[in-house]
Protein backbone atom coordinates (compact mmCIF):
# COMPACT_ATOMS: atom_id res chain seq x y z
CA UNK A 1 3.08 35.99 -99.92
CA UNK A 2 1.46 33.16 -97.98
CA UNK A 3 -1.56 31.16 -99.14
CA UNK A 4 -3.68 32.80 -96.43
CA UNK A 5 -2.78 36.23 -97.75
CA UNK A 6 -3.78 35.15 -101.28
CA UNK A 7 -7.28 34.18 -100.18
CA UNK A 8 -10.05 36.69 -100.66
CA UNK A 9 -12.83 37.38 -98.20
CA UNK A 10 -15.60 35.56 -100.07
CA UNK A 11 -18.31 36.86 -97.73
CA UNK A 12 -17.24 40.43 -98.45
CA UNK A 13 -17.14 39.79 -102.21
CA UNK A 14 -20.58 38.20 -102.06
CA UNK A 15 -21.97 41.11 -100.04
CA UNK A 16 -20.54 43.56 -102.57
CA UNK A 17 -22.10 41.60 -105.43
CA UNK A 18 -25.45 41.49 -103.66
CA UNK A 19 -25.27 45.26 -103.19
CA UNK A 20 -24.64 45.77 -106.92
CA UNK A 21 -27.44 43.38 -107.87
CA UNK A 22 -29.81 45.16 -105.49
CA UNK A 23 -29.10 48.49 -107.17
CA UNK A 24 -29.58 46.99 -110.64
CA UNK A 25 -32.87 45.30 -109.73
CA UNK A 26 -34.01 48.55 -108.12
CA UNK A 27 -33.37 50.38 -111.41
CA UNK A 28 -35.22 47.69 -113.35
CA UNK A 29 -38.16 47.94 -110.95
CA UNK A 30 -38.29 51.72 -111.30
CA UNK A 31 -38.19 51.39 -115.11
CA UNK A 32 -40.97 48.80 -115.04
CA UNK A 33 -43.16 51.06 -112.92
CA UNK A 34 -42.56 53.91 -115.40
CA UNK A 35 -43.58 51.64 -118.28
CA UNK A 36 -46.75 50.54 -116.47
CA UNK A 37 -47.65 54.17 -115.74
CA UNK A 38 -47.08 55.33 -119.31
CA UNK A 39 -48.60 52.25 -120.97
CA UNK A 40 -51.25 50.77 -118.64
CA UNK A 41 -52.49 47.25 -119.49
CA UNK A 42 -55.44 47.17 -121.86
CA UNK A 43 -56.65 43.65 -121.10
CA UNK A 44 -56.56 40.99 -118.38
CA UNK A 45 -53.63 39.10 -119.94
CA UNK A 46 -51.42 42.20 -120.03
CA UNK A 47 -52.42 43.10 -116.48
CA UNK A 48 -51.47 39.60 -115.30
CA UNK A 49 -48.09 39.79 -117.08
CA UNK A 50 -47.34 43.21 -115.61
CA UNK A 51 -48.34 42.00 -112.18
CA UNK A 52 -46.07 38.95 -112.43
CA UNK A 53 -43.11 41.04 -113.59
CA UNK A 54 -43.69 43.63 -110.88
CA UNK A 55 -44.16 41.07 -108.11
CA UNK A 56 -41.09 39.00 -109.02
CA UNK A 57 -38.91 42.12 -109.36
CA UNK A 58 -40.10 43.42 -105.99
CA UNK A 59 -39.53 40.03 -104.37
CA UNK A 60 -35.98 39.70 -105.71
CA UNK A 61 -35.14 43.25 -104.68
CA UNK A 62 -36.53 42.63 -101.21
CA UNK A 63 -34.60 39.40 -100.73
CA UNK A 64 -31.33 41.03 -101.83
CA UNK A 65 -31.92 43.80 -99.29
CA UNK A 66 -32.63 41.18 -96.61
CA UNK A 67 -29.43 39.26 -97.42
CA UNK A 68 -27.34 42.42 -97.29
CA UNK A 69 -28.95 43.54 -94.04
CA UNK A 70 -28.43 40.14 -92.39
CA UNK A 71 -24.78 40.10 -93.51
CA UNK A 72 -24.23 43.56 -92.02
CA UNK A 73 -26.04 42.50 -88.87
CA UNK A 74 -23.88 39.41 -88.40
CA UNK A 75 -20.74 41.41 -89.17
CA UNK A 76 -21.71 44.19 -86.74
CA UNK A 77 -21.83 46.65 -89.66
CA UNK A 78 -25.51 47.45 -89.36
CA UNK A 79 -26.25 50.80 -87.73
CA UNK A 80 -29.49 50.87 -85.77
CA UNK A 81 -31.05 54.29 -85.38
CA UNK A 82 -33.99 54.17 -83.00
CA UNK A 83 -35.85 57.43 -82.69
CA UNK A 84 -39.41 58.67 -82.30
CA UNK A 85 -41.48 58.62 -85.49
CA UNK A 86 -45.11 58.94 -86.44
CA UNK A 87 -46.18 55.41 -87.29
CA UNK A 88 -48.54 56.46 -90.06
CA UNK A 89 -45.58 57.93 -91.96
CA UNK A 90 -43.74 54.61 -92.30
CA UNK A 91 -46.95 52.79 -93.21
CA UNK A 92 -47.99 55.34 -95.84
CA UNK A 93 -44.48 55.24 -97.31
CA UNK A 94 -44.70 51.48 -97.85
CA UNK A 95 -48.22 51.73 -99.26
CA UNK A 96 -47.01 54.33 -101.76
CA UNK A 97 -43.93 52.23 -102.54
CA UNK A 98 -46.18 49.30 -103.47
CA UNK A 99 -49.07 51.21 -105.01
CA UNK A 100 -48.22 50.12 -108.56
CA UNK A 101 -47.94 46.49 -107.45
CA UNK A 102 -51.33 46.70 -105.74
CA UNK A 103 -52.89 48.32 -108.80
CA UNK A 104 -51.62 45.76 -111.31
CA UNK A 105 -52.70 42.98 -108.96
CA UNK A 106 -56.12 44.57 -108.44
CA UNK A 107 -55.59 44.48 -104.67
CA UNK A 108 -57.61 46.72 -102.35
CA UNK A 109 -55.62 47.94 -99.34
CA UNK A 110 -57.11 49.60 -96.26
CA UNK A 111 -54.82 51.57 -93.95
CA UNK A 112 -55.82 52.05 -90.31
CA UNK A 113 -53.59 54.15 -88.06
CA UNK A 114 -54.10 57.14 -85.79
CA UNK A 115 -52.21 60.06 -87.32
CA UNK A 116 -50.98 61.09 -83.87
CA UNK A 117 -49.58 57.65 -82.98
CA UNK A 118 -45.81 57.94 -82.42
CA UNK A 119 -43.29 55.29 -81.27
CA UNK A 120 -39.56 54.67 -80.96
CA UNK A 121 -38.14 52.41 -83.70
CA UNK A 122 -35.68 52.30 -86.59
CA UNK A 123 -37.59 53.86 -89.47
CA UNK A 124 -35.75 52.12 -92.31
CA UNK A 125 -35.62 48.65 -90.75
CA UNK A 126 -39.27 48.57 -89.71
CA UNK A 127 -40.19 49.98 -93.11
CA UNK A 128 -38.30 47.12 -94.77
CA UNK A 129 -40.24 44.54 -92.75
CA UNK A 130 -43.59 46.09 -93.67
CA UNK A 131 -42.57 46.33 -97.32
CA UNK A 132 -41.49 42.69 -97.53
CA UNK A 133 -44.68 41.43 -95.89
CA UNK A 134 -46.84 43.54 -98.22
CA UNK A 135 -45.06 42.16 -101.29
CA UNK A 136 -45.52 38.61 -99.99
CA UNK A 137 -49.19 39.22 -99.21
CA UNK A 138 -49.83 40.41 -102.77
CA UNK A 139 -48.85 36.93 -103.93
CA UNK A 140 -51.26 35.07 -101.65
CA UNK A 141 -54.22 37.35 -101.01
CA UNK A 142 -57.33 37.10 -103.15
CA UNK A 143 -58.25 40.76 -103.30
CA UNK A 144 -57.92 42.61 -99.97
CA UNK A 145 -55.33 43.70 -97.41
CA UNK A 146 -55.65 45.58 -94.13
CA UNK A 147 -52.54 47.35 -92.79
CA UNK A 148 -53.04 48.65 -89.25
CA UNK A 149 -51.14 49.87 -86.21
CA UNK A 150 -52.10 50.47 -82.58
CA UNK A 151 -50.76 50.03 -79.05
CA UNK A 152 -51.27 46.67 -77.36
CA UNK A 153 -49.90 45.86 -73.88
CA UNK A 154 -47.21 48.57 -74.18
CA UNK A 155 -46.08 47.28 -77.59
CA UNK A 156 -46.51 48.94 -80.94
CA UNK A 157 -48.52 46.36 -82.91
CA UNK A 158 -48.27 46.57 -86.70
CA UNK A 159 -50.56 44.05 -88.36
CA UNK A 160 -51.08 43.00 -91.98
CA UNK A 161 -54.15 40.91 -92.78
CA UNK A 162 -55.16 39.30 -96.08
CA UNK A 163 -58.06 37.26 -97.45
CA UNK A 164 -55.89 34.50 -98.89
CA UNK A 165 -55.61 30.83 -97.84
CA UNK A 166 -53.69 31.62 -94.64
CA UNK A 167 -50.34 30.40 -93.35
CA UNK A 168 -49.49 26.66 -93.38
CA UNK A 169 -49.54 24.88 -90.01
CA UNK A 170 -45.75 24.44 -90.08
CA UNK A 171 -45.25 28.19 -90.25
CA UNK A 172 -47.75 28.86 -87.48
CA UNK A 173 -45.94 26.46 -85.13
CA UNK A 174 -42.40 27.79 -85.59
CA UNK A 175 -42.16 30.56 -88.18
CA UNK A 176 -38.50 31.52 -87.71
CA UNK A 177 -37.21 27.98 -87.05
CA UNK A 178 -38.13 27.18 -90.64
CA UNK A 179 -35.04 29.05 -91.87
CA UNK A 180 -32.81 26.25 -90.56
CA UNK A 181 -35.13 23.58 -92.00
CA UNK A 182 -35.75 25.18 -95.38
CA UNK A 183 -35.34 23.16 -98.56
CA UNK A 184 -34.11 25.47 -101.31
CA UNK A 185 -35.68 23.14 -103.87
CA UNK A 186 -39.19 24.12 -102.76
CA UNK A 187 -38.53 27.75 -103.68
CA UNK A 188 -39.05 29.21 -100.21
CA UNK A 189 -36.22 29.70 -97.71
CA UNK A 190 -38.45 31.69 -95.30
CA UNK A 191 -35.70 34.31 -95.25
CA UNK A 192 -38.29 37.07 -94.90
CA UNK A 193 -39.56 35.69 -91.58
CA UNK A 194 -36.03 35.34 -90.24
CA UNK A 195 -35.28 38.91 -91.34
CA UNK A 196 -38.45 40.23 -89.67
CA UNK A 197 -37.68 38.39 -86.42
CA UNK A 198 -34.11 39.74 -86.36
CA UNK A 199 -35.29 43.31 -86.91
CA UNK A 200 -37.97 42.91 -84.23
CA UNK A 201 -35.43 41.63 -81.66
CA UNK A 202 -33.16 44.60 -82.31
CA UNK A 203 -35.82 46.76 -80.67
CA UNK A 204 -35.55 46.47 -76.88
CA UNK A 205 -37.08 48.28 -73.93
CA UNK A 206 -36.00 47.19 -70.46
CA UNK A 207 -36.64 43.42 -70.32
CA UNK A 208 -38.87 43.44 -73.40
CA UNK A 209 -37.81 42.54 -76.94
CA UNK A 210 -39.67 42.87 -80.19
CA UNK A 211 -41.12 39.78 -81.86
CA UNK A 212 -43.32 38.62 -84.72
CA UNK A 213 -46.43 36.45 -84.72
CA UNK A 214 -48.33 34.57 -87.43
CA UNK A 215 -52.02 33.71 -87.23
CA UNK A 216 -54.90 32.72 -89.45
CA UNK A 217 -58.32 34.28 -89.35
CA UNK A 218 -58.57 37.93 -88.44
CA UNK A 219 -61.11 40.18 -90.08
CA UNK A 220 -60.50 38.88 -93.60
CA UNK A 221 -60.23 35.17 -92.79
CA UNK A 222 -56.72 34.73 -94.24
CA UNK A 223 -53.18 35.18 -92.93
CA UNK A 224 -52.33 37.69 -90.21
CA UNK A 225 -48.75 38.89 -89.76
CA UNK A 226 -47.98 40.88 -86.60
CA UNK A 227 -44.87 42.86 -85.67
CA UNK A 228 -44.55 43.89 -82.02
CA UNK A 229 -42.14 46.67 -81.01
CA UNK A 230 -41.68 47.47 -77.28
């Protein structure tokens, strides 16, 4: 057997390991949510500890999902299923998915979406983007979030606003370019923005492609994340 035949596909092994870790973290997160439901915090210190555990578990789980999705995307293993869906369904699903995180963090979330609004998109992929942004916003917002969706210039516009400090200027100038410039020592690879941009671009209609946009201000005076789907 040649040396080349002895070598393993490290990318495949890593992807398999990430998949296993994702499942394990998902089980831990579900167990944590059950504990919080059965034994709610009785004081501010316990609430803060629960919130930290829940946030970090959700963040790790989300990043593992992003890594696995990006690997499948780059290896042409990622199926994209674009069909017509009611937009409120995907938004409500992510709100419910993060309800415990919002509660332990004492975050008020307002959902705005016409129940009859329907659009063509991949339900799971768009749901993953919304989920990841919500988890990130819980970390930076002070107390409020607004999740909304409407039609703007023939694009579905999903927007998440918070009342936190807003996005840094470097992120506002080139949000997805930061993936190439990221310093792992600062604890933020900006993988979530790269993931969101990739998912957005996978949605195409004629000459139009999906995209993301970051702003500061909005109704709550903090960060505003926008996902546009043609």
